[in-house]
Amino acid sequence: AQIKRYLGKPIGSEPPHIYAIADRMYRLLLSSGDSQAIIVSGPSGAGKTETCKLVLKHLAYVTKHLSEAGMSKSSMELGALLVMTNPLLEAFGSAET
C-alpha cells in the first residue's frame, strides 16, 4: 500500500519518502534508457542498509507488476536479480561494524 502511494507521482506531491526517489529513478531509467543511481550516505546506524532494501523492494514490486501486465522477460529477470542482491547489501552494511 505504501509503495502504491508513490507510483507515477511527481516528487513533492506526497510527503518525502525513499519510494518517491526510487520510483522517479525507475521512471527515468525507462523513459531515457540512461543508467540511474541513488547515493545513500550517512553515519553508522542512520539506516543506509534499510534504505537500500526499501529501494530494492520498490524495484522488485514495480518489475513484478510490469511482468504480470505482460511486459518483457527482462523485467522478471530484474526482479529476481534484485532479490538476490540482499546478501551483498548485508555484507557491505556490516563491513565497518
Protein backbone atom coordinates (compact mmCIF):
# COMPACT_ATOMS: atom_id res chain seq x y z
CA ALA A 1 0.00 0.00 0.00
CA GLN A 2 2.81 2.42 0.86
CA ILE A 3 4.59 1.71 -2.43
CA LYS A 4 1.41 2.33 -4.46
CA ARG A 5 1.08 5.77 -2.90
CA TYR A 6 4.22 6.92 -4.73
CA LEU A 7 3.87 5.11 -8.08
CA GLY A 8 3.99 7.53 -11.00
CA LYS A 9 3.60 10.61 -8.81
CA PRO A 10 5.83 13.68 -9.20
CA ILE A 11 8.42 14.30 -6.50
CA GLY A 12 6.88 16.58 -3.87
CA SER A 13 3.27 15.62 -4.50
CA GLU A 14 3.39 13.29 -1.48
CA PRO A 15 5.39 13.52 1.77
CA PRO A 16 9.09 12.72 1.26
CA HIS A 17 9.89 9.01 1.13
CA ILE A 18 12.53 6.76 -0.40
CA TYR A 19 9.80 5.15 -2.52
CA ALA A 20 9.32 8.51 -4.28
CA ILE A 21 13.03 8.65 -5.13
CA ALA A 22 13.11 5.00 -6.23
CA ASP A 23 10.04 5.47 -8.42
CA ARG A 24 11.50 8.59 -10.06
CA MET A 25 14.78 6.77 -10.72
CA TYR A 26 12.95 3.82 -12.27
CA ARG A 27 10.73 6.03 -14.45
CA LEU A 28 13.79 7.95 -15.69
CA LEU A 29 15.51 4.66 -16.48
CA LEU A 30 12.52 3.53 -18.55
CA SER A 31 11.97 6.83 -20.34
CA SER A 32 15.57 7.81 -21.07
CA GLY A 33 17.36 4.48 -21.12
CA ASP A 34 20.19 6.12 -19.19
CA SER A 35 21.68 4.44 -16.15
CA GLN A 36 20.40 5.76 -12.83
CA ALA A 37 21.95 5.79 -9.37
CA ILE A 38 20.87 6.57 -5.84
CA ILE A 39 23.57 7.51 -3.36
CA VAL A 40 22.69 6.61 0.22
CA SER A 41 25.04 8.08 2.79
CA GLY A 42 25.10 8.84 6.47
CA PRO A 43 26.75 7.93 9.75
CA SER A 44 26.73 4.48 11.26
CA GLY A 45 23.26 3.47 12.35
CA ALA A 46 21.50 6.02 10.13
CA GLY A 47 19.62 3.37 8.17
CA LYS A 48 21.61 3.18 4.93
CA THR A 49 21.18 -0.59 4.54
CA GLU A 50 17.47 -0.41 5.34
CA THR A 51 17.05 2.44 2.84
CA CYS A 52 18.76 0.35 0.14
CA LYS A 53 16.42 -2.53 0.98
CA LEU A 54 13.42 -0.22 0.51
CA VAL A 55 14.73 0.84 -2.91
CA LEU A 56 15.13 -2.80 -3.90
CA LYS A 57 11.69 -3.62 -2.52
CA HIS A 58 10.18 -0.86 -4.65
CA LEU A 59 12.03 -2.00 -7.79
CA ALA A 60 11.03 -5.63 -7.18
CA TYR A 61 7.40 -4.55 -6.74
CA VAL A 62 7.38 -2.48 -9.92
CA THR A 63 9.09 -5.11 -12.05
CA LYS A 64 6.80 -7.86 -10.71
CA HIS A 65 3.71 -5.88 -11.62
CA LEU A 66 5.12 -5.00 -15.04
CA SER A 67 5.78 -8.66 -15.76
CA GLU A 68 2.24 -9.56 -14.64
CA ALA A 69 0.95 -6.91 -17.05
CA GLY A 70 2.69 -8.68 -19.92
CA MET A 71 5.90 -6.69 -20.05
CA SER A 72 9.19 -8.19 -21.12
CA LYS A 73 11.02 -11.15 -19.64
CA SER A 74 13.85 -8.77 -18.71
CA SER A 75 11.54 -7.12 -16.14
CA MET A 76 11.02 -10.50 -14.49
CA GLU A 77 14.76 -11.17 -14.56
CA LEU A 78 15.46 -7.77 -12.99
CA GLY A 79 13.08 -8.55 -10.12
CA ALA A 80 14.80 -11.89 -9.48
CA LEU A 81 18.25 -10.28 -9.59
CA LEU A 82 17.21 -7.59 -7.15
CA VAL A 83 16.09 -10.17 -4.61
CA MET A 84 19.46 -11.92 -4.90
CA THR A 85 21.38 -8.70 -4.03
CA ASN A 86 20.27 -8.72 -0.38
CA PRO A 87 23.19 -10.83 0.93
CA LEU A 88 25.62 -8.48 -0.82
CA LEU A 89 23.93 -5.46 0.77
CA GLU A 90 24.13 -7.11 4.17
CA ALA A 91 27.86 -7.74 3.67
CA PHE A 92 28.53 -4.08 2.85
CA GLY A 93 26.27 -2.95 5.68
CA SER A 94 28.32 -4.96 8.18
CA ALA A 95 31.73 -4.18 6.68
CA GLU A 96 32.62 -1.42 9.13
CA THR A 97 30.60 -2.53 12.13
